[in-house]
N, C-alpha and C. Protein backbone atom coordinates (compact mmCIF):
# COMPACT_ATOMS: atom_id res chain seq x y z
N MET A 1 -24.20 16.20 16.29
CA MET A 1 -24.33 15.00 15.47
C MET A 1 -25.57 14.21 15.89
N THR A 2 -26.37 13.83 14.96
CA THR A 2 -27.60 13.10 15.25
C THR A 2 -27.30 11.67 15.66
N LYS A 3 -27.89 11.23 16.73
CA LYS A 3 -27.71 9.85 17.17
C LYS A 3 -28.73 8.96 16.48
N MET A 4 -28.23 7.89 15.92
CA MET A 4 -29.12 6.97 15.22
C MET A 4 -28.78 5.54 15.62
N SER A 5 -29.78 4.70 15.71
CA SER A 5 -29.55 3.30 15.95
C SER A 5 -28.85 2.72 14.75
N GLY A 6 -27.84 1.92 15.02
CA GLY A 6 -27.16 1.26 13.92
C GLY A 6 -25.97 2.01 13.36
N ALA A 7 -25.57 3.13 13.99
CA ALA A 7 -24.41 3.87 13.49
C ALA A 7 -23.15 3.02 13.59
N SER A 8 -22.27 3.17 12.62
CA SER A 8 -21.01 2.45 12.59
C SER A 8 -19.85 3.43 12.75
N LEU A 9 -18.89 3.07 13.60
CA LEU A 9 -17.69 3.88 13.77
C LEU A 9 -16.54 3.19 13.07
N VAL A 10 -15.73 3.95 12.36
CA VAL A 10 -14.55 3.40 11.70
C VAL A 10 -13.32 4.11 12.25
N ILE A 11 -12.44 3.36 12.91
CA ILE A 11 -11.19 3.89 13.44
C ILE A 11 -10.08 3.50 12.46
N GLY A 12 -9.24 4.47 12.12
CA GLY A 12 -8.22 4.20 11.11
C GLY A 12 -8.77 4.42 9.72
N SER A 13 -9.63 5.40 9.59
CA SER A 13 -10.37 5.62 8.34
C SER A 13 -9.57 6.34 7.27
N THR A 14 -8.30 6.65 7.54
CA THR A 14 -7.44 7.21 6.49
C THR A 14 -6.44 6.19 5.97
N GLY A 15 -6.50 4.98 6.50
CA GLY A 15 -5.55 3.94 6.13
C GLY A 15 -5.97 3.15 4.91
N LEU A 16 -5.17 2.16 4.57
CA LEU A 16 -5.37 1.39 3.35
C LEU A 16 -6.72 0.68 3.32
N ILE A 17 -7.11 0.07 4.43
CA ILE A 17 -8.40 -0.62 4.50
C ILE A 17 -9.50 0.33 4.95
N GLY A 18 -9.23 1.13 5.97
CA GLY A 18 -10.25 2.00 6.53
C GLY A 18 -10.87 2.94 5.54
N LYS A 19 -10.06 3.52 4.67
CA LYS A 19 -10.58 4.46 3.68
C LYS A 19 -11.55 3.77 2.73
N LYS A 20 -11.22 2.54 2.33
CA LYS A 20 -12.12 1.78 1.45
C LYS A 20 -13.37 1.34 2.21
N LEU A 21 -13.19 1.02 3.48
CA LEU A 21 -14.31 0.54 4.28
C LEU A 21 -15.41 1.58 4.42
N ILE A 22 -15.05 2.85 4.66
CA ILE A 22 -16.10 3.85 4.86
C ILE A 22 -16.96 4.01 3.61
N PHE A 23 -16.37 3.82 2.44
CA PHE A 23 -17.16 3.91 1.21
C PHE A 23 -18.03 2.67 1.03
N GLU A 24 -17.54 1.50 1.46
CA GLU A 24 -18.36 0.29 1.39
C GLU A 24 -19.55 0.39 2.34
N LEU A 25 -19.31 0.90 3.54
CA LEU A 25 -20.40 1.04 4.51
C LEU A 25 -21.40 2.10 4.06
N ALA A 26 -20.91 3.14 3.41
CA ALA A 26 -21.80 4.20 2.93
C ALA A 26 -22.82 3.68 1.92
N LYS A 27 -22.45 2.64 1.18
CA LYS A 27 -23.37 2.05 0.20
C LYS A 27 -24.57 1.40 0.86
N LYS A 28 -24.45 1.10 2.13
CA LYS A 28 -25.52 0.40 2.84
C LYS A 28 -26.56 1.36 3.41
N ASP A 29 -26.41 2.66 3.12
CA ASP A 29 -27.38 3.68 3.53
C ASP A 29 -27.58 3.75 5.04
N SER A 30 -26.53 3.50 5.79
CA SER A 30 -26.61 3.64 7.24
C SER A 30 -25.65 4.76 7.67
N GLU A 31 -25.82 5.24 8.89
CA GLU A 31 -24.95 6.30 9.36
C GLU A 31 -23.56 5.77 9.65
N VAL A 32 -22.56 6.43 9.13
CA VAL A 32 -21.17 6.04 9.33
C VAL A 32 -20.40 7.23 9.91
N ILE A 33 -19.61 6.96 10.92
CA ILE A 33 -18.78 8.00 11.53
C ILE A 33 -17.32 7.60 11.35
N ALA A 34 -16.60 8.40 10.59
CA ALA A 34 -15.19 8.15 10.36
C ALA A 34 -14.37 8.91 11.39
N ILE A 35 -13.60 8.19 12.19
CA ILE A 35 -12.79 8.82 13.22
C ILE A 35 -11.35 8.89 12.75
N ALA A 36 -10.80 10.08 12.76
CA ALA A 36 -9.45 10.28 12.24
C ALA A 36 -8.77 11.43 12.96
N ARG A 37 -7.47 11.55 12.73
CA ARG A 37 -6.70 12.65 13.33
C ARG A 37 -6.49 13.79 12.33
N ARG A 38 -7.06 13.66 11.17
CA ARG A 38 -6.96 14.73 10.17
C ARG A 38 -8.18 14.65 9.25
N SER A 39 -8.36 15.67 8.44
CA SER A 39 -9.53 15.73 7.58
C SER A 39 -9.46 14.69 6.47
N ILE A 40 -10.62 14.32 5.96
CA ILE A 40 -10.73 13.37 4.85
C ILE A 40 -11.57 14.03 3.77
N ASN A 41 -11.04 14.08 2.58
CA ASN A 41 -11.74 14.74 1.47
C ASN A 41 -12.74 13.81 0.80
N ASN A 42 -13.78 14.42 0.24
CA ASN A 42 -14.76 13.74 -0.61
C ASN A 42 -15.46 12.57 0.08
N LEU A 43 -15.88 12.79 1.31
CA LEU A 43 -16.63 11.75 2.02
C LEU A 43 -18.04 11.65 1.47
N PRO A 44 -18.63 10.45 1.43
CA PRO A 44 -20.03 10.31 1.03
C PRO A 44 -20.93 11.11 1.96
N GLU A 45 -22.13 11.44 1.50
CA GLU A 45 -23.04 12.30 2.26
C GLU A 45 -23.42 11.70 3.61
N ASN A 46 -23.52 10.38 3.68
CA ASN A 46 -23.96 9.75 4.94
C ASN A 46 -22.78 9.35 5.83
N VAL A 47 -21.60 9.91 5.58
CA VAL A 47 -20.44 9.67 6.44
C VAL A 47 -20.04 10.97 7.12
N SER A 48 -20.01 10.95 8.45
CA SER A 48 -19.60 12.12 9.23
C SER A 48 -18.16 11.93 9.68
N LEU A 49 -17.42 13.02 9.78
CA LEU A 49 -16.04 12.96 10.23
C LEU A 49 -15.95 13.44 11.67
N LEU A 50 -15.30 12.64 12.50
CA LEU A 50 -15.02 13.02 13.88
C LEU A 50 -13.50 13.13 14.00
N ASP A 51 -13.02 14.36 13.97
CA ASP A 51 -11.58 14.65 13.99
C ASP A 51 -11.15 14.86 15.44
N ILE A 52 -10.31 13.95 15.96
CA ILE A 52 -9.94 14.02 17.37
C ILE A 52 -8.44 13.85 17.56
N ASN A 53 -7.97 14.28 18.73
CA ASN A 53 -6.61 14.03 19.15
C ASN A 53 -6.60 12.72 19.93
N PHE A 54 -5.93 11.71 19.40
CA PHE A 54 -5.99 10.39 20.00
C PHE A 54 -5.41 10.36 21.42
N ASP A 55 -4.34 11.11 21.66
CA ASP A 55 -3.74 11.09 23.00
C ASP A 55 -4.68 11.71 24.03
N ASP A 56 -5.34 12.79 23.68
CA ASP A 56 -6.32 13.38 24.59
C ASP A 56 -7.48 12.43 24.81
N PHE A 57 -7.84 11.72 23.75
CA PHE A 57 -8.95 10.79 23.84
C PHE A 57 -8.66 9.68 24.85
N LEU A 58 -7.43 9.19 24.89
CA LEU A 58 -7.08 8.14 25.84
C LEU A 58 -7.34 8.55 27.28
N GLU A 59 -7.19 9.85 27.54
CA GLU A 59 -7.36 10.33 28.91
C GLU A 59 -8.81 10.53 29.30
N ASN A 60 -9.57 11.23 28.47
CA ASN A 60 -10.93 11.59 28.90
C ASN A 60 -11.94 11.60 27.75
N GLY A 61 -11.66 10.93 26.67
CA GLY A 61 -12.55 10.97 25.52
C GLY A 61 -13.75 10.05 25.65
N SER A 62 -14.76 10.32 24.85
CA SER A 62 -15.94 9.46 24.76
C SER A 62 -16.39 9.43 23.31
N LEU A 63 -17.11 8.39 22.96
CA LEU A 63 -17.56 8.22 21.58
C LEU A 63 -19.06 8.43 21.48
N PRO A 64 -19.54 8.81 20.30
CA PRO A 64 -20.99 8.95 20.10
C PRO A 64 -21.68 7.59 20.11
N PHE A 65 -22.96 7.62 20.32
CA PHE A 65 -23.76 6.40 20.32
C PHE A 65 -23.51 5.61 19.04
N CYS A 66 -23.32 4.31 19.18
CA CYS A 66 -23.02 3.49 18.01
C CYS A 66 -23.47 2.05 18.24
N ASP A 67 -23.46 1.29 17.16
CA ASP A 67 -23.85 -0.12 17.21
C ASP A 67 -22.66 -1.03 16.89
N HIS A 68 -21.81 -0.57 15.97
CA HIS A 68 -20.72 -1.41 15.48
C HIS A 68 -19.47 -0.55 15.35
N ILE A 69 -18.35 -1.04 15.88
CA ILE A 69 -17.08 -0.34 15.71
C ILE A 69 -16.14 -1.20 14.87
N TYR A 70 -15.53 -0.56 13.88
CA TYR A 70 -14.55 -1.21 13.01
C TYR A 70 -13.19 -0.60 13.34
N ILE A 71 -12.25 -1.44 13.75
CA ILE A 71 -10.92 -0.94 14.09
C ILE A 71 -9.93 -1.38 13.01
N CYS A 72 -9.50 -0.42 12.22
CA CYS A 72 -8.56 -0.66 11.12
C CYS A 72 -7.26 0.08 11.35
N LEU A 73 -6.97 0.33 12.60
CA LEU A 73 -5.84 1.17 12.97
C LEU A 73 -4.56 0.36 13.04
N GLY A 74 -3.48 0.90 12.49
CA GLY A 74 -2.21 0.20 12.56
C GLY A 74 -1.10 1.04 11.99
N THR A 75 0.12 0.74 12.40
CA THR A 75 1.29 1.47 11.91
C THR A 75 2.44 0.48 11.78
N THR A 76 3.64 0.98 11.61
CA THR A 76 4.84 0.16 11.60
C THR A 76 5.80 0.73 12.63
N ILE A 77 6.73 -0.09 13.08
CA ILE A 77 7.70 0.39 14.06
C ILE A 77 8.54 1.51 13.45
N LYS A 78 8.87 1.39 12.17
CA LYS A 78 9.66 2.41 11.50
C LYS A 78 8.93 3.75 11.50
N LYS A 79 7.65 3.73 11.14
CA LYS A 79 6.88 4.97 11.09
C LYS A 79 6.63 5.53 12.49
N ALA A 80 6.36 4.65 13.45
CA ALA A 80 6.08 5.08 14.82
C ALA A 80 7.34 5.62 15.49
N GLY A 81 8.50 5.06 15.13
CA GLY A 81 9.75 5.55 15.69
C GLY A 81 10.35 4.68 16.78
N SER A 82 9.52 3.85 17.40
CA SER A 82 10.02 2.95 18.46
C SER A 82 8.96 1.89 18.74
N GLN A 83 9.36 0.84 19.44
CA GLN A 83 8.39 -0.20 19.79
C GLN A 83 7.31 0.35 20.72
N SER A 84 7.69 1.23 21.63
CA SER A 84 6.70 1.77 22.56
C SER A 84 5.66 2.63 21.84
N GLU A 85 6.11 3.43 20.88
CA GLU A 85 5.17 4.25 20.12
C GLU A 85 4.31 3.38 19.21
N PHE A 86 4.90 2.34 18.66
CA PHE A 86 4.12 1.39 17.85
C PHE A 86 3.01 0.76 18.70
N LYS A 87 3.37 0.35 19.90
CA LYS A 87 2.38 -0.32 20.76
C LYS A 87 1.29 0.65 21.20
N LYS A 88 1.63 1.93 21.32
CA LYS A 88 0.60 2.90 21.69
C LYS A 88 -0.48 2.96 20.63
N VAL A 89 -0.08 2.89 19.36
CA VAL A 89 -1.04 2.94 18.26
C VAL A 89 -1.77 1.62 18.12
N ASP A 90 -1.01 0.53 18.03
CA ASP A 90 -1.60 -0.77 17.71
C ASP A 90 -2.23 -1.49 18.90
N PHE A 91 -1.91 -1.06 20.11
CA PHE A 91 -2.51 -1.68 21.28
C PHE A 91 -3.34 -0.68 22.08
N ASP A 92 -2.70 0.36 22.60
CA ASP A 92 -3.39 1.29 23.50
C ASP A 92 -4.60 1.94 22.83
N TYR A 93 -4.38 2.50 21.65
CA TYR A 93 -5.48 3.17 20.96
C TYR A 93 -6.60 2.18 20.64
N CYS A 94 -6.22 1.02 20.10
CA CYS A 94 -7.25 0.05 19.67
C CYS A 94 -8.10 -0.44 20.83
N VAL A 95 -7.45 -0.79 21.93
CA VAL A 95 -8.19 -1.29 23.10
C VAL A 95 -9.04 -0.17 23.71
N SER A 96 -8.49 1.04 23.77
CA SER A 96 -9.23 2.16 24.34
C SER A 96 -10.48 2.46 23.51
N PHE A 97 -10.33 2.51 22.20
CA PHE A 97 -11.49 2.76 21.34
C PHE A 97 -12.54 1.67 21.50
N ALA A 98 -12.10 0.43 21.61
CA ALA A 98 -13.03 -0.68 21.77
C ALA A 98 -13.84 -0.52 23.06
N LYS A 99 -13.17 -0.20 24.15
CA LYS A 99 -13.86 -0.04 25.43
C LYS A 99 -14.81 1.15 25.41
N LYS A 100 -14.36 2.26 24.81
CA LYS A 100 -15.21 3.45 24.73
C LYS A 100 -16.43 3.19 23.86
N ALA A 101 -16.26 2.41 22.79
CA ALA A 101 -17.39 2.10 21.92
C ALA A 101 -18.41 1.24 22.65
N ARG A 102 -17.92 0.29 23.44
CA ARG A 102 -18.85 -0.55 24.21
C ARG A 102 -19.63 0.31 25.19
N GLU A 103 -18.97 1.26 25.82
CA GLU A 103 -19.65 2.17 26.74
C GLU A 103 -20.68 3.02 26.01
N ALA A 104 -20.44 3.27 24.72
CA ALA A 104 -21.36 4.09 23.91
C ALA A 104 -22.47 3.26 23.29
N GLY A 105 -22.54 1.98 23.62
CA GLY A 105 -23.65 1.15 23.16
C GLY A 105 -23.33 0.11 22.12
N ALA A 106 -22.11 0.07 21.62
CA ALA A 106 -21.77 -0.89 20.56
C ALA A 106 -21.87 -2.32 21.07
N THR A 107 -22.47 -3.18 20.27
CA THR A 107 -22.55 -4.61 20.59
C THR A 107 -21.71 -5.45 19.63
N LYS A 108 -21.20 -4.81 18.56
CA LYS A 108 -20.43 -5.52 17.55
C LYS A 108 -19.08 -4.84 17.34
N ILE A 109 -18.06 -5.65 17.13
CA ILE A 109 -16.74 -5.10 16.83
C ILE A 109 -16.07 -5.94 15.75
N SER A 110 -15.45 -5.26 14.80
CA SER A 110 -14.67 -5.92 13.76
C SER A 110 -13.27 -5.34 13.82
N LEU A 111 -12.29 -6.21 14.05
CA LEU A 111 -10.90 -5.79 14.23
C LEU A 111 -10.04 -6.32 13.09
N VAL A 112 -9.28 -5.43 12.47
CA VAL A 112 -8.29 -5.86 11.48
C VAL A 112 -7.00 -6.16 12.22
N SER A 113 -6.63 -7.43 12.26
CA SER A 113 -5.44 -7.88 12.94
C SER A 113 -4.43 -8.37 11.90
N SER A 114 -3.83 -9.49 12.11
CA SER A 114 -2.84 -10.01 11.16
C SER A 114 -2.77 -11.53 11.26
N VAL A 115 -2.58 -12.19 10.13
CA VAL A 115 -2.33 -13.62 10.16
C VAL A 115 -1.07 -13.86 10.99
N GLY A 116 -1.11 -14.86 11.84
CA GLY A 116 0.03 -15.15 12.71
C GLY A 116 0.00 -14.42 14.03
N ALA A 117 -1.02 -13.61 14.27
CA ALA A 117 -1.12 -12.90 15.54
C ALA A 117 -1.15 -13.89 16.70
N ASN A 118 -0.32 -13.63 17.71
CA ASN A 118 -0.22 -14.55 18.84
C ASN A 118 0.41 -13.80 20.01
N PRO A 119 -0.27 -13.73 21.14
CA PRO A 119 0.28 -12.98 22.28
C PRO A 119 1.58 -13.56 22.81
N TYR A 120 1.93 -14.79 22.40
CA TYR A 120 3.16 -15.43 22.87
C TYR A 120 4.22 -15.48 21.77
N ALA A 121 3.97 -14.80 20.65
CA ALA A 121 4.92 -14.82 19.54
C ALA A 121 6.21 -14.10 19.93
N LYS A 122 7.33 -14.54 19.34
CA LYS A 122 8.61 -13.87 19.57
C LYS A 122 8.70 -12.58 18.76
N ASN A 123 8.03 -12.55 17.63
CA ASN A 123 7.99 -11.36 16.79
C ASN A 123 7.15 -10.28 17.48
N PHE A 124 7.72 -9.10 17.67
CA PHE A 124 7.04 -8.04 18.43
C PHE A 124 5.73 -7.62 17.77
N TYR A 125 5.73 -7.50 16.45
CA TYR A 125 4.52 -7.10 15.73
C TYR A 125 3.40 -8.10 15.95
N LEU A 126 3.68 -9.38 15.74
CA LEU A 126 2.65 -10.41 15.88
C LEU A 126 2.23 -10.58 17.34
N LYS A 127 3.16 -10.39 18.25
CA LYS A 127 2.84 -10.46 19.68
C LYS A 127 1.86 -9.35 20.06
N THR A 128 2.13 -8.14 19.58
CA THR A 128 1.25 -7.02 19.89
C THR A 128 -0.14 -7.24 19.31
N LYS A 129 -0.21 -7.70 18.07
CA LYS A 129 -1.50 -7.99 17.45
C LYS A 129 -2.27 -9.03 18.25
N GLY A 130 -1.56 -10.06 18.71
CA GLY A 130 -2.21 -11.10 19.51
C GLY A 130 -2.70 -10.57 20.84
N GLU A 131 -1.94 -9.68 21.45
CA GLU A 131 -2.34 -9.09 22.73
C GLU A 131 -3.58 -8.23 22.57
N VAL A 132 -3.67 -7.50 21.47
CA VAL A 132 -4.86 -6.70 21.19
C VAL A 132 -6.09 -7.59 21.08
N GLU A 133 -5.96 -8.67 20.33
CA GLU A 133 -7.08 -9.59 20.17
C GLU A 133 -7.57 -10.10 21.52
N GLU A 134 -6.63 -10.50 22.37
CA GLU A 134 -7.00 -11.05 23.67
C GLU A 134 -7.70 -10.03 24.55
N GLU A 135 -7.24 -8.78 24.53
CA GLU A 135 -7.87 -7.74 25.34
C GLU A 135 -9.28 -7.45 24.85
N ILE A 136 -9.46 -7.41 23.55
CA ILE A 136 -10.78 -7.11 22.99
C ILE A 136 -11.76 -8.25 23.27
N LYS A 137 -11.26 -9.45 23.30
CA LYS A 137 -12.12 -10.61 23.60
C LYS A 137 -12.64 -10.57 25.04
N LYS A 138 -11.97 -9.80 25.91
CA LYS A 138 -12.42 -9.68 27.30
C LYS A 138 -13.58 -8.70 27.45
N ILE A 139 -13.78 -7.86 26.44
CA ILE A 139 -14.87 -6.88 26.48
C ILE A 139 -16.16 -7.58 26.05
N ASP A 140 -17.26 -7.25 26.69
CA ASP A 140 -18.48 -8.04 26.47
C ASP A 140 -19.27 -7.61 25.23
N PHE A 141 -18.63 -7.68 24.06
CA PHE A 141 -19.35 -7.51 22.81
C PHE A 141 -20.11 -8.79 22.49
N GLN A 142 -21.27 -8.64 21.86
CA GLN A 142 -22.03 -9.82 21.45
C GLN A 142 -21.41 -10.48 20.22
N TYR A 143 -20.81 -9.65 19.36
CA TYR A 143 -20.20 -10.14 18.13
C TYR A 143 -18.78 -9.62 18.04
N ILE A 144 -17.83 -10.52 17.90
CA ILE A 144 -16.43 -10.14 17.75
C ILE A 144 -15.88 -10.81 16.50
N ASN A 145 -15.56 -10.00 15.50
CA ASN A 145 -15.01 -10.51 14.25
C ASN A 145 -13.56 -10.06 14.14
N ILE A 146 -12.64 -11.01 14.03
CA ILE A 146 -11.23 -10.71 13.96
C ILE A 146 -10.73 -11.10 12.57
N PHE A 147 -10.35 -10.09 11.80
CA PHE A 147 -9.91 -10.29 10.43
C PHE A 147 -8.38 -10.40 10.41
N ARG A 148 -7.88 -11.51 9.88
CA ARG A 148 -6.45 -11.78 9.90
C ARG A 148 -5.88 -11.89 8.48
N PRO A 149 -5.71 -10.78 7.79
CA PRO A 149 -5.11 -10.83 6.47
C PRO A 149 -3.60 -10.98 6.56
N SER A 150 -2.99 -11.41 5.47
CA SER A 150 -1.54 -11.41 5.35
C SER A 150 -1.13 -10.09 4.70
N LEU A 151 -0.18 -10.11 3.79
CA LEU A 151 0.26 -8.88 3.13
C LEU A 151 -0.89 -8.25 2.36
N LEU A 152 -1.11 -6.96 2.61
CA LEU A 152 -2.20 -6.24 1.96
C LEU A 152 -1.72 -5.60 0.66
N LEU A 153 -2.51 -5.76 -0.38
CA LEU A 153 -2.18 -5.18 -1.68
C LEU A 153 -2.99 -3.91 -1.90
N GLY A 154 -2.33 -2.85 -2.27
CA GLY A 154 -3.00 -1.58 -2.50
C GLY A 154 -2.01 -0.45 -2.36
N ARG A 155 -2.42 0.72 -2.78
CA ARG A 155 -1.54 1.89 -2.75
C ARG A 155 -1.73 2.66 -1.46
N ARG A 156 -0.67 2.75 -0.67
CA ARG A 156 -0.71 3.51 0.57
C ARG A 156 -0.26 4.94 0.31
N GLU A 157 -0.65 5.83 1.22
CA GLU A 157 -0.20 7.22 1.12
C GLU A 157 1.28 7.33 1.47
N GLU A 158 1.73 6.51 2.45
CA GLU A 158 3.15 6.54 2.80
C GLU A 158 3.87 5.41 2.09
N ASN A 159 5.17 5.56 1.94
CA ASN A 159 5.98 4.57 1.24
C ASN A 159 6.51 3.53 2.22
N ARG A 160 6.13 2.25 2.02
CA ARG A 160 6.67 1.16 2.82
C ARG A 160 7.49 0.29 1.88
N PHE A 161 8.81 0.49 1.88
CA PHE A 161 9.70 -0.09 0.88
C PHE A 161 9.61 -1.62 0.83
N LEU A 162 9.78 -2.26 1.98
CA LEU A 162 9.76 -3.73 1.99
C LEU A 162 8.40 -4.28 1.60
N GLU A 163 7.35 -3.58 2.04
CA GLU A 163 6.00 -4.02 1.67
C GLU A 163 5.79 -3.90 0.17
N LYS A 164 6.34 -2.85 -0.43
CA LYS A 164 6.21 -2.67 -1.87
C LYS A 164 6.89 -3.80 -2.62
N ILE A 165 8.06 -4.24 -2.14
CA ILE A 165 8.75 -5.37 -2.76
C ILE A 165 7.88 -6.62 -2.65
N GLY A 166 7.31 -6.83 -1.47
CA GLY A 166 6.45 -7.98 -1.26
C GLY A 166 5.24 -7.97 -2.18
N GLN A 167 4.66 -6.79 -2.39
CA GLN A 167 3.52 -6.68 -3.28
C GLN A 167 3.89 -7.08 -4.70
N ASN A 168 5.08 -6.65 -5.13
CA ASN A 168 5.51 -6.96 -6.49
C ASN A 168 5.74 -8.45 -6.70
N LEU A 169 6.11 -9.15 -5.64
CA LEU A 169 6.39 -10.59 -5.73
C LEU A 169 5.19 -11.45 -5.34
N SER A 170 4.13 -10.81 -4.85
CA SER A 170 3.04 -11.54 -4.21
C SER A 170 2.34 -12.56 -5.12
N SER A 171 2.09 -12.21 -6.37
CA SER A 171 1.36 -13.12 -7.25
C SER A 171 2.15 -14.41 -7.48
N PHE A 172 3.47 -14.29 -7.52
CA PHE A 172 4.34 -15.46 -7.69
C PHE A 172 4.37 -16.29 -6.42
N ILE A 173 4.54 -15.63 -5.27
CA ILE A 173 4.61 -16.33 -3.99
C ILE A 173 3.31 -17.04 -3.68
N ASN A 174 2.19 -16.41 -4.02
CA ASN A 174 0.88 -17.00 -3.73
C ASN A 174 0.70 -18.39 -4.35
N LEU A 175 1.36 -18.62 -5.48
CA LEU A 175 1.24 -19.91 -6.17
C LEU A 175 1.71 -21.07 -5.30
N PHE A 176 2.64 -20.78 -4.39
CA PHE A 176 3.23 -21.83 -3.55
C PHE A 176 2.55 -21.96 -2.20
N LEU A 177 1.64 -21.05 -1.91
CA LEU A 177 0.93 -21.09 -0.63
C LEU A 177 -0.39 -21.82 -0.82
N ILE A 178 -0.36 -23.11 -0.60
CA ILE A 178 -1.54 -23.95 -0.82
C ILE A 178 -1.89 -24.70 0.46
N GLY A 179 -3.07 -25.31 0.46
CA GLY A 179 -3.50 -26.06 1.63
C GLY A 179 -3.61 -25.16 2.85
N SER A 180 -3.00 -25.61 3.95
CA SER A 180 -3.07 -24.85 5.20
C SER A 180 -2.30 -23.52 5.14
N LEU A 181 -1.49 -23.35 4.08
CA LEU A 181 -0.72 -22.12 3.92
C LEU A 181 -1.47 -21.04 3.15
N ARG A 182 -2.67 -21.36 2.67
CA ARG A 182 -3.42 -20.40 1.88
C ARG A 182 -3.70 -19.11 2.65
N LYS A 183 -3.86 -19.22 3.95
CA LYS A 183 -4.18 -18.04 4.75
C LYS A 183 -3.05 -17.01 4.74
N TYR A 184 -1.85 -17.42 4.30
CA TYR A 184 -0.71 -16.50 4.23
C TYR A 184 -0.61 -15.80 2.88
N ARG A 185 -1.54 -16.06 1.98
CA ARG A 185 -1.51 -15.40 0.68
C ARG A 185 -1.81 -13.91 0.82
N SER A 186 -1.17 -13.12 0.01
CA SER A 186 -1.46 -11.69 -0.02
C SER A 186 -2.88 -11.47 -0.54
N ILE A 187 -3.47 -10.36 -0.15
CA ILE A 187 -4.88 -10.12 -0.48
C ILE A 187 -5.08 -8.63 -0.78
N LYS A 188 -5.95 -8.34 -1.73
CA LYS A 188 -6.27 -6.95 -2.04
C LYS A 188 -6.97 -6.30 -0.84
N SER A 189 -6.54 -5.11 -0.51
CA SER A 189 -7.16 -4.40 0.60
C SER A 189 -8.64 -4.15 0.34
N SER A 190 -9.02 -4.00 -0.92
CA SER A 190 -10.42 -3.78 -1.26
C SER A 190 -11.28 -5.00 -0.92
N ASN A 191 -10.70 -6.20 -1.06
CA ASN A 191 -11.42 -7.42 -0.70
C ASN A 191 -11.68 -7.48 0.79
N VAL A 192 -10.68 -7.09 1.58
CA VAL A 192 -10.84 -7.11 3.03
C VAL A 192 -11.88 -6.07 3.46
N ALA A 193 -11.84 -4.90 2.84
CA ALA A 193 -12.81 -3.85 3.18
C ALA A 193 -14.23 -4.30 2.85
N TYR A 194 -14.40 -4.94 1.71
CA TYR A 194 -15.73 -5.43 1.32
C TYR A 194 -16.22 -6.47 2.31
N CYS A 195 -15.33 -7.37 2.71
CA CYS A 195 -15.70 -8.40 3.68
C CYS A 195 -16.08 -7.78 5.02
N LEU A 196 -15.33 -6.81 5.47
CA LEU A 196 -15.63 -6.12 6.71
C LEU A 196 -17.04 -5.53 6.69
N ALA A 197 -17.38 -4.91 5.58
CA ALA A 197 -18.66 -4.21 5.48
C ALA A 197 -19.84 -5.15 5.32
N ASN A 198 -19.61 -6.33 4.76
CA ASN A 198 -20.74 -7.19 4.38
C ASN A 198 -20.82 -8.52 5.10
N TYR A 199 -19.83 -8.84 5.91
CA TYR A 199 -19.87 -10.11 6.62
C TYR A 199 -21.03 -10.13 7.62
N GLN A 200 -21.80 -11.20 7.60
CA GLN A 200 -22.95 -11.34 8.49
C GLN A 200 -22.54 -12.11 9.74
N GLN A 201 -22.55 -11.44 10.87
CA GLN A 201 -22.12 -12.05 12.11
C GLN A 201 -23.10 -13.13 12.57
N SER A 202 -22.57 -14.17 13.16
CA SER A 202 -23.42 -15.24 13.70
C SER A 202 -23.32 -15.31 15.21
N GLY A 203 -22.69 -14.32 15.83
CA GLY A 203 -22.56 -14.30 17.28
C GLY A 203 -21.24 -14.89 17.73
N GLY A 204 -20.79 -14.49 18.91
CA GLY A 204 -19.55 -15.02 19.45
C GLY A 204 -18.32 -14.45 18.77
N ILE A 205 -17.24 -15.23 18.76
CA ILE A 205 -15.97 -14.79 18.20
C ILE A 205 -15.70 -15.53 16.90
N LYS A 206 -15.38 -14.79 15.87
CA LYS A 206 -15.12 -15.37 14.56
C LYS A 206 -13.81 -14.84 14.01
N TYR A 207 -12.94 -15.75 13.54
CA TYR A 207 -11.70 -15.38 12.88
C TYR A 207 -11.87 -15.55 11.37
N LEU A 208 -11.41 -14.58 10.61
CA LEU A 208 -11.55 -14.63 9.16
C LEU A 208 -10.19 -14.50 8.49
N TYR A 209 -9.99 -15.33 7.43
CA TYR A 209 -8.71 -15.40 6.74
C TYR A 209 -8.89 -15.22 5.23
N PHE A 210 -7.83 -15.51 4.50
CA PHE A 210 -7.76 -15.28 3.05
C PHE A 210 -9.01 -15.75 2.31
N ASP A 211 -9.42 -16.99 2.50
CA ASP A 211 -10.57 -17.52 1.74
C ASP A 211 -11.85 -16.78 2.09
N ASP A 212 -11.98 -16.32 3.34
CA ASP A 212 -13.16 -15.55 3.72
C ASP A 212 -13.21 -14.23 2.97
N PHE A 213 -12.05 -13.61 2.74
CA PHE A 213 -12.00 -12.31 2.09
C PHE A 213 -12.37 -12.38 0.60
N ASN A 214 -12.36 -13.57 0.06
CA ASN A 214 -12.69 -13.73 -1.36
C ASN A 214 -14.13 -14.17 -1.59
N ASN A 215 -14.91 -14.29 -0.52
CA ASN A 215 -16.32 -14.61 -0.67
C ASN A 215 -17.10 -13.35 -1.02
N ASN A 216 -18.19 -13.51 -1.71
CA ASN A 216 -19.01 -12.36 -2.12
C ASN A 216 -20.13 -12.06 -1.12
N PHE A 217 -20.36 -12.99 -0.17
CA PHE A 217 -21.41 -12.81 0.85
C PHE A 217 -22.74 -12.47 0.18
């Protein structure tokens, strides 16, 4: 694989946001490396696939030279099978990839987290998301962008029953989420992907919410 300045790595590139993100980044005519555990069909010409075993990677893996890492990795406790397996995906993998990317030269990181993320939350999901954010903030990236969407709208490959119900009710519920509650509005996954690809970093740590995802930049 050719090393180029400015390469972008996308972790979670088969997911709801990640899959859209690699196509948004490809439009920018820069080198994009999609990291996944399985093949991805119909990738743009300037997107390379790096197919790896995540568990092996945790032990002794390394990443190619890069400038920016996008972490869109996430699962559910139901799909993972247990809280420990969920945390391996949403915490261990994410933090490990972030550290490996920094070692490979990355100075920028964009993390898809969740609205309400808090390392002290009673909710296990939100607590884990908050813990990931805190660990990544300890790594010396020059730019740290933390995207905190609420319910994501879009068609997933796997069936998430409760999420599907929420999507069907989302347009109605959004009407009541005003003022400081706007950040809890559901958002199209395509909007988040576009924001990820086009947001211009200003340095330091930046949190982005619902209204940020609807800007055209």
